[in-house]
């Protein structure tokens, strides 16, 4: 079994069924009860998906994904998943292999939100400007 330490209290995290957190099982997780910090594992392994996250970090990870994922899930942005992560690694100045929201801290998650919102607004502004120009020339 892998030893996972809580970054908040330095205690050893327990390897438990996720039903202890979610009320039903989605697989195994590492859990630090005193800090209410947890992380899932890759299916069929005991390898964590990222780092243990307390409530505040979980909030920012969700916000980071909500802001970043549309860049590759919405075809209007013109990026495939791997391209979006390459773009993010370049924007953050970190190697692509380390560009994983599951491993980010709060500051990095906030940076993802800011960068992603700027990038999405570029596409939205260019689409609306393009539409306005087309409408102008039709009249």
N, C-alpha and C. Protein backbone atom coordinates (compact mmCIF):
# COMPACT_ATOMS: atom_id res chain seq x y z
N UNK A 1 0.85 -1.19 0.00
CA UNK A 1 0.00 0.00 0.00
C UNK A 1 0.89 1.24 0.00
N UNK A 2 0.46 2.22 -0.74
CA UNK A 2 1.18 3.49 -0.86
C UNK A 2 0.96 4.32 0.41
N UNK A 3 1.99 5.01 0.85
CA UNK A 3 1.86 5.90 2.00
C UNK A 3 1.59 7.31 1.48
N UNK A 4 0.47 7.86 1.91
CA UNK A 4 0.09 9.22 1.51
C UNK A 4 -0.03 10.04 2.79
N UNK A 5 0.64 11.20 2.79
CA UNK A 5 0.65 12.09 3.95
C UNK A 5 -0.23 13.30 3.68
N UNK A 6 -0.91 13.76 4.70
CA UNK A 6 -1.74 14.94 4.60
C UNK A 6 -0.85 16.18 4.61
N UNK A 7 -1.00 17.06 3.60
CA UNK A 7 -0.17 18.26 3.57
C UNK A 7 -0.58 19.32 4.60
N UNK A 8 -1.73 19.11 5.24
CA UNK A 8 -2.24 20.09 6.20
C UNK A 8 -1.78 19.80 7.63
N UNK A 9 -1.79 18.51 8.01
CA UNK A 9 -1.42 18.15 9.39
C UNK A 9 -0.28 17.14 9.47
N UNK A 10 0.20 16.70 8.31
CA UNK A 10 1.30 15.72 8.21
C UNK A 10 0.96 14.35 8.76
N UNK A 11 -0.34 14.06 8.92
CA UNK A 11 -0.76 12.73 9.36
C UNK A 11 -0.81 11.77 8.17
N UNK A 12 -0.77 10.51 8.47
CA UNK A 12 -0.91 9.47 7.46
C UNK A 12 -2.38 9.39 7.03
N UNK A 13 -2.65 9.51 5.74
CA UNK A 13 -4.03 9.42 5.24
C UNK A 13 -4.46 7.96 5.17
N UNK A 14 -5.72 7.71 5.49
CA UNK A 14 -6.27 6.36 5.43
C UNK A 14 -6.72 6.04 4.01
N UNK A 15 -6.60 4.78 3.62
CA UNK A 15 -7.08 4.29 2.33
C UNK A 15 -8.45 3.67 2.60
N UNK A 16 -9.52 4.37 2.19
CA UNK A 16 -10.88 3.94 2.54
C UNK A 16 -11.78 4.00 1.31
N UNK A 17 -12.94 3.39 1.43
CA UNK A 17 -13.94 3.48 0.37
C UNK A 17 -14.54 4.88 0.36
N UNK A 18 -14.76 5.42 -0.82
CA UNK A 18 -15.29 6.78 -0.96
C UNK A 18 -16.69 6.94 -0.38
N UNK A 19 -17.37 5.84 -0.09
CA UNK A 19 -18.69 5.93 0.53
C UNK A 19 -18.62 6.67 1.86
N UNK A 20 -17.46 6.66 2.50
CA UNK A 20 -17.31 7.38 3.77
C UNK A 20 -17.44 8.89 3.59
N UNK A 21 -17.17 9.39 2.39
CA UNK A 21 -17.27 10.82 2.10
C UNK A 21 -18.55 11.14 1.34
N UNK A 22 -18.87 10.32 0.33
CA UNK A 22 -19.97 10.62 -0.58
C UNK A 22 -21.30 9.94 -0.24
N UNK A 23 -21.26 8.98 0.68
CA UNK A 23 -22.49 8.26 1.01
C UNK A 23 -22.76 7.07 0.12
N UNK A 24 -22.05 6.96 -0.98
CA UNK A 24 -22.08 5.78 -1.84
C UNK A 24 -20.69 5.61 -2.43
N UNK A 25 -20.41 4.43 -2.91
CA UNK A 25 -19.06 4.12 -3.35
C UNK A 25 -18.80 4.52 -4.80
N UNK A 26 -17.70 5.25 -4.97
CA UNK A 26 -17.19 5.58 -6.30
C UNK A 26 -15.77 5.02 -6.45
N UNK A 27 -15.39 4.16 -5.53
CA UNK A 27 -14.04 3.62 -5.51
C UNK A 27 -13.32 4.05 -4.25
N UNK A 28 -12.04 3.79 -4.23
CA UNK A 28 -11.24 4.07 -3.05
C UNK A 28 -10.68 5.51 -3.08
N UNK A 29 -10.39 6.02 -1.89
CA UNK A 29 -9.80 7.34 -1.73
C UNK A 29 -8.79 7.30 -0.58
N UNK A 30 -7.94 8.31 -0.53
CA UNK A 30 -7.13 8.55 0.65
C UNK A 30 -7.82 9.67 1.41
N UNK A 31 -7.95 9.49 2.72
CA UNK A 31 -8.72 10.43 3.55
C UNK A 31 -7.95 10.79 4.82
N UNK A 32 -7.88 12.09 5.09
CA UNK A 32 -7.40 12.58 6.37
C UNK A 32 -8.64 13.09 7.09
N UNK A 33 -9.11 12.34 8.07
CA UNK A 33 -10.34 12.70 8.77
C UNK A 33 -10.26 14.04 9.51
N UNK A 34 -9.19 14.29 10.27
CA UNK A 34 -9.14 15.56 11.01
C UNK A 34 -9.22 16.80 10.10
N UNK A 35 -8.68 16.70 8.88
CA UNK A 35 -8.64 17.85 7.97
C UNK A 35 -9.75 17.81 6.93
N UNK A 36 -10.52 16.74 6.91
CA UNK A 36 -11.53 16.52 5.88
C UNK A 36 -10.90 16.72 4.50
N UNK A 37 -9.70 16.19 4.34
CA UNK A 37 -8.97 16.26 3.07
C UNK A 37 -8.96 14.88 2.45
N UNK A 38 -9.20 14.83 1.14
CA UNK A 38 -9.20 13.52 0.47
C UNK A 38 -8.86 13.67 -0.99
N UNK A 39 -8.51 12.52 -1.58
CA UNK A 39 -8.20 12.45 -3.00
C UNK A 39 -8.56 11.04 -3.48
N UNK A 40 -9.12 10.97 -4.68
CA UNK A 40 -9.43 9.68 -5.28
C UNK A 40 -8.18 9.02 -5.81
N UNK A 41 -8.35 7.80 -6.29
CA UNK A 41 -7.23 7.06 -6.87
C UNK A 41 -7.57 6.64 -8.29
N UNK A 42 -6.53 6.39 -9.08
CA UNK A 42 -6.74 5.87 -10.42
C UNK A 42 -7.39 4.50 -10.31
N UNK A 43 -8.40 4.26 -11.13
CA UNK A 43 -9.18 3.03 -11.07
C UNK A 43 -8.26 1.81 -11.15
N UNK A 44 -8.50 0.88 -10.23
CA UNK A 44 -7.74 -0.36 -10.20
C UNK A 44 -6.36 -0.24 -9.59
N UNK A 45 -6.05 0.93 -9.02
CA UNK A 45 -4.75 1.12 -8.38
C UNK A 45 -4.94 1.78 -7.02
N UNK A 46 -3.84 1.97 -6.32
CA UNK A 46 -3.88 2.75 -5.08
C UNK A 46 -3.09 4.05 -5.26
N UNK A 47 -2.92 4.48 -6.53
CA UNK A 47 -2.19 5.70 -6.85
C UNK A 47 -3.13 6.90 -6.85
N UNK A 48 -2.83 7.91 -6.03
CA UNK A 48 -3.70 9.10 -5.95
C UNK A 48 -3.82 9.83 -7.28
N UNK A 49 -4.99 10.38 -7.53
CA UNK A 49 -5.24 11.18 -8.73
C UNK A 49 -4.56 12.54 -8.67
N UNK A 50 -4.21 12.98 -7.48
CA UNK A 50 -3.58 14.27 -7.28
C UNK A 50 -3.09 14.34 -5.85
N UNK A 51 -3.35 15.48 -5.23
CA UNK A 51 -2.94 15.67 -3.84
C UNK A 51 -4.18 15.73 -2.95
N UNK A 52 -4.01 15.44 -1.67
CA UNK A 52 -5.14 15.57 -0.76
C UNK A 52 -5.60 17.02 -0.78
N UNK A 53 -6.92 17.20 -0.78
CA UNK A 53 -7.48 18.54 -0.86
C UNK A 53 -8.51 18.74 0.24
N UNK A 54 -8.38 19.85 0.94
CA UNK A 54 -9.40 20.22 1.92
C UNK A 54 -10.53 20.93 1.19
N UNK A 55 -11.53 21.40 1.94
CA UNK A 55 -12.72 22.00 1.32
C UNK A 55 -12.36 23.20 0.44
N UNK A 56 -11.45 24.07 0.90
CA UNK A 56 -11.11 25.25 0.11
C UNK A 56 -10.41 24.87 -1.20
N UNK A 57 -9.46 23.94 -1.13
CA UNK A 57 -8.77 23.53 -2.35
C UNK A 57 -9.72 22.80 -3.29
N UNK A 58 -10.61 21.98 -2.76
CA UNK A 58 -11.60 21.31 -3.63
C UNK A 58 -12.45 22.35 -4.36
N UNK A 59 -12.83 23.41 -3.66
CA UNK A 59 -13.61 24.49 -4.29
C UNK A 59 -12.84 25.07 -5.48
N UNK A 60 -11.56 25.37 -5.29
CA UNK A 60 -10.77 26.00 -6.35
C UNK A 60 -10.43 25.04 -7.47
N UNK A 61 -10.29 23.75 -7.17
CA UNK A 61 -10.07 22.76 -8.24
C UNK A 61 -11.31 22.66 -9.12
N UNK A 62 -12.48 22.66 -8.50
CA UNK A 62 -13.73 22.63 -9.28
C UNK A 62 -13.85 23.88 -10.14
N UNK A 63 -13.50 25.04 -9.57
CA UNK A 63 -13.56 26.29 -10.32
C UNK A 63 -12.57 26.27 -11.48
N UNK A 64 -11.38 25.72 -11.24
CA UNK A 64 -10.37 25.64 -12.30
C UNK A 64 -10.87 24.77 -13.45
N UNK A 65 -11.42 23.61 -13.12
CA UNK A 65 -11.95 22.73 -14.18
C UNK A 65 -13.13 23.38 -14.90
N UNK A 66 -14.00 24.04 -14.16
CA UNK A 66 -15.18 24.67 -14.77
C UNK A 66 -14.76 25.77 -15.75
N UNK A 67 -13.68 26.45 -15.46
CA UNK A 67 -13.21 27.52 -16.32
C UNK A 67 -12.34 26.99 -17.47
N UNK A 68 -11.49 26.01 -17.18
CA UNK A 68 -10.53 25.50 -18.17
C UNK A 68 -11.14 24.48 -19.14
N UNK A 69 -11.92 23.55 -18.65
CA UNK A 69 -12.40 22.44 -19.49
C UNK A 69 -13.16 22.89 -20.74
N UNK A 70 -13.94 23.98 -20.70
CA UNK A 70 -14.61 24.41 -21.94
C UNK A 70 -13.64 24.75 -23.07
N UNK A 71 -12.39 25.07 -22.74
CA UNK A 71 -11.42 25.38 -23.79
C UNK A 71 -11.18 24.18 -24.70
N UNK A 72 -11.30 22.97 -24.15
CA UNK A 72 -11.09 21.80 -25.00
C UNK A 72 -12.38 21.00 -25.23
N UNK A 73 -13.39 21.18 -24.39
CA UNK A 73 -14.64 20.45 -24.60
C UNK A 73 -15.56 21.14 -25.60
N UNK A 74 -15.43 22.45 -25.72
CA UNK A 74 -16.26 23.23 -26.63
C UNK A 74 -15.46 23.47 -27.91
N UNK A 75 -15.89 22.90 -29.01
CA UNK A 75 -15.14 22.97 -30.26
C UNK A 75 -14.96 24.40 -30.78
N UNK A 76 -15.77 25.34 -30.29
CA UNK A 76 -15.63 26.73 -30.74
C UNK A 76 -14.28 27.34 -30.36
N UNK A 77 -13.61 26.76 -29.36
CA UNK A 77 -12.32 27.29 -28.93
C UNK A 77 -11.16 26.72 -29.74
N UNK A 78 -11.45 25.69 -30.53
CA UNK A 78 -10.45 25.17 -31.46
C UNK A 78 -9.28 24.43 -30.84
N UNK A 79 -9.43 23.92 -29.62
CA UNK A 79 -8.33 23.18 -28.99
C UNK A 79 -8.80 21.77 -28.62
N UNK A 80 -7.92 20.83 -28.86
CA UNK A 80 -8.14 19.48 -28.34
C UNK A 80 -7.58 19.47 -26.92
N UNK A 81 -7.89 18.43 -26.16
CA UNK A 81 -7.47 18.38 -24.76
C UNK A 81 -5.95 18.56 -24.60
N UNK A 82 -5.18 17.80 -25.38
CA UNK A 82 -3.72 17.88 -25.24
C UNK A 82 -3.20 19.28 -25.61
N UNK A 83 -3.83 19.91 -26.60
CA UNK A 83 -3.44 21.28 -26.98
C UNK A 83 -3.76 22.27 -25.85
N UNK A 84 -4.91 22.07 -25.21
CA UNK A 84 -5.30 22.97 -24.13
C UNK A 84 -4.33 22.86 -22.95
N UNK A 85 -3.92 21.63 -22.62
CA UNK A 85 -2.97 21.46 -21.52
C UNK A 85 -1.59 22.00 -21.91
N UNK A 86 -1.21 21.88 -23.17
CA UNK A 86 0.06 22.46 -23.62
C UNK A 86 -0.01 23.98 -23.49
N UNK A 87 -1.12 24.57 -23.94
CA UNK A 87 -1.32 26.02 -23.81
C UNK A 87 -1.23 26.44 -22.35
N UNK A 88 -1.91 25.69 -21.45
CA UNK A 88 -1.92 26.03 -20.03
C UNK A 88 -0.52 25.94 -19.44
N UNK A 89 0.23 24.91 -19.81
CA UNK A 89 1.60 24.77 -19.28
C UNK A 89 2.47 25.95 -19.71
N UNK A 90 2.29 26.39 -20.97
CA UNK A 90 3.06 27.53 -21.46
C UNK A 90 2.65 28.81 -20.73
N UNK A 91 1.36 29.00 -20.51
CA UNK A 91 0.87 30.20 -19.83
C UNK A 91 1.36 30.26 -18.38
N UNK A 92 1.43 29.09 -17.73
CA UNK A 92 1.83 29.04 -16.33
C UNK A 92 3.33 28.91 -16.15
N UNK A 93 4.04 28.61 -17.24
CA UNK A 93 5.48 28.47 -17.16
C UNK A 93 5.93 27.22 -16.44
N UNK A 94 5.17 26.15 -16.59
CA UNK A 94 5.54 24.87 -15.95
C UNK A 94 5.55 23.78 -17.02
N UNK A 95 6.32 22.71 -16.81
CA UNK A 95 6.35 21.63 -17.80
C UNK A 95 4.96 21.00 -17.98
N UNK A 96 4.68 20.56 -19.20
CA UNK A 96 3.38 19.97 -19.49
C UNK A 96 3.11 18.77 -18.59
N UNK A 97 4.14 17.98 -18.29
CA UNK A 97 3.95 16.79 -17.45
C UNK A 97 3.53 17.14 -16.03
N UNK A 98 3.74 18.40 -15.63
CA UNK A 98 3.33 18.84 -14.28
C UNK A 98 2.07 19.69 -14.32
N UNK A 99 1.47 19.80 -15.50
CA UNK A 99 0.26 20.61 -15.66
C UNK A 99 -0.94 19.70 -15.46
N UNK A 100 -1.32 19.57 -14.19
CA UNK A 100 -2.40 18.67 -13.80
C UNK A 100 -3.15 19.33 -12.65
N UNK A 101 -4.37 19.76 -12.90
CA UNK A 101 -5.14 20.48 -11.88
C UNK A 101 -5.21 19.70 -10.58
N UNK A 102 -5.22 18.38 -10.67
CA UNK A 102 -5.25 17.55 -9.47
C UNK A 102 -4.06 17.74 -8.55
N UNK A 103 -2.96 18.27 -9.09
CA UNK A 103 -1.75 18.48 -8.29
C UNK A 103 -1.57 19.95 -7.89
N UNK A 104 -2.43 20.82 -8.38
CA UNK A 104 -2.26 22.25 -8.14
C UNK A 104 -2.69 22.67 -6.74
N UNK A 105 -2.07 23.75 -6.26
CA UNK A 105 -2.48 24.36 -5.00
C UNK A 105 -3.52 25.45 -5.31
N UNK A 106 -3.98 26.14 -4.28
CA UNK A 106 -5.04 27.15 -4.46
C UNK A 106 -4.58 28.27 -5.40
N UNK A 107 -3.36 28.78 -5.21
CA UNK A 107 -2.88 29.86 -6.07
C UNK A 107 -2.83 29.44 -7.53
N UNK A 108 -2.38 28.22 -7.79
CA UNK A 108 -2.32 27.74 -9.17
C UNK A 108 -3.73 27.56 -9.75
N UNK A 109 -4.67 27.08 -8.95
CA UNK A 109 -6.05 26.93 -9.42
C UNK A 109 -6.65 28.29 -9.76
N UNK A 110 -6.38 29.29 -8.93
CA UNK A 110 -6.87 30.64 -9.22
C UNK A 110 -6.25 31.16 -10.51
N UNK A 111 -4.98 30.85 -10.74
CA UNK A 111 -4.31 31.26 -11.97
C UNK A 111 -4.97 30.60 -13.18
N UNK A 112 -5.33 29.32 -13.06
CA UNK A 112 -6.02 28.62 -14.15
C UNK A 112 -7.33 29.32 -14.47
N UNK A 113 -8.09 29.69 -13.44
CA UNK A 113 -9.37 30.37 -13.64
C UNK A 113 -9.15 31.68 -14.41
N UNK A 114 -8.20 32.48 -13.97
CA UNK A 114 -7.93 33.77 -14.61
C UNK A 114 -7.50 33.59 -16.07
N UNK A 115 -6.52 32.73 -16.30
CA UNK A 115 -6.01 32.50 -17.66
C UNK A 115 -7.11 31.97 -18.58
N UNK A 116 -7.89 31.03 -18.08
CA UNK A 116 -8.95 30.42 -18.89
C UNK A 116 -10.04 31.42 -19.23
N UNK A 117 -10.40 32.25 -18.26
CA UNK A 117 -11.44 33.26 -18.52
C UNK A 117 -10.96 34.27 -19.57
N UNK A 118 -9.71 34.65 -19.49
CA UNK A 118 -9.15 35.57 -20.49
C UNK A 118 -9.18 34.92 -21.87
N UNK A 119 -8.74 33.69 -21.95
CA UNK A 119 -8.71 32.99 -23.24
C UNK A 119 -10.12 32.80 -23.80
N UNK A 120 -11.06 32.40 -22.95
CA UNK A 120 -12.44 32.21 -23.42
C UNK A 120 -13.03 33.54 -23.89
N UNK A 121 -12.72 34.64 -23.19
CA UNK A 121 -13.29 35.93 -23.57
C UNK A 121 -12.72 36.39 -24.92
N UNK A 122 -11.49 36.03 -25.23
CA UNK A 122 -10.92 36.36 -26.54
C UNK A 122 -11.77 35.75 -27.65
N UNK A 123 -12.14 34.48 -27.47
CA UNK A 123 -12.93 33.79 -28.48
C UNK A 123 -14.34 34.36 -28.55
N UNK A 124 -14.91 34.67 -27.39
CA UNK A 124 -16.26 35.23 -27.38
C UNK A 124 -16.28 36.62 -28.01
N UNK A 125 -15.25 37.43 -27.71
CA UNK A 125 -15.18 38.77 -28.28
C UNK A 125 -14.95 38.73 -29.78
N UNK A 126 -14.09 37.81 -30.24
CA UNK A 126 -13.83 37.74 -31.68
C UNK A 126 -15.06 37.22 -32.42
N UNK A 127 -15.82 36.32 -31.80
CA UNK A 127 -17.05 35.82 -32.43
C UNK A 127 -18.09 36.93 -32.52
N UNK A 128 -18.23 37.72 -31.44
CA UNK A 128 -19.25 38.78 -31.46
C UNK A 128 -18.82 39.91 -32.40
N UNK A 129 -17.53 40.22 -32.45
CA UNK A 129 -17.04 41.24 -33.38
C UNK A 129 -17.25 40.78 -34.81
N UNK A 130 -16.95 39.51 -35.07
CA UNK A 130 -17.14 38.96 -36.41
C UNK A 130 -18.60 39.04 -36.83
N UNK A 131 -19.49 38.70 -35.91
CA UNK A 131 -20.93 38.76 -36.21
C UNK A 131 -21.39 40.18 -36.47
N UNK A 132 -20.86 41.14 -35.70
CA UNK A 132 -21.24 42.54 -35.88
C UNK A 132 -20.75 43.05 -37.24
N UNK A 133 -19.52 42.65 -37.62
CA UNK A 133 -19.01 43.07 -38.92
C UNK A 133 -19.83 42.49 -40.06
N UNK A 134 -20.19 41.21 -39.93
CA UNK A 134 -21.00 40.58 -40.98
C UNK A 134 -22.35 41.28 -41.08
N UNK A 135 -22.96 41.60 -39.96
CA UNK A 135 -24.25 42.28 -39.96
C UNK A 135 -24.10 43.67 -40.59
N UNK A 136 -23.00 44.35 -40.28
CA UNK A 136 -22.77 45.69 -40.82
C UNK A 136 -22.70 45.66 -42.34
N UNK A 137 -21.97 44.67 -42.88
CA UNK A 137 -21.79 44.60 -44.33
C UNK A 137 -23.03 44.06 -45.05
N UNK A 138 -23.93 43.40 -44.34
CA UNK A 138 -25.18 42.94 -44.96
C UNK A 138 -26.13 44.10 -45.15
N UNK A 139 -26.06 45.10 -44.32
CA UNK A 139 -27.00 46.24 -44.37
C UNK A 139 -26.66 47.23 -45.43
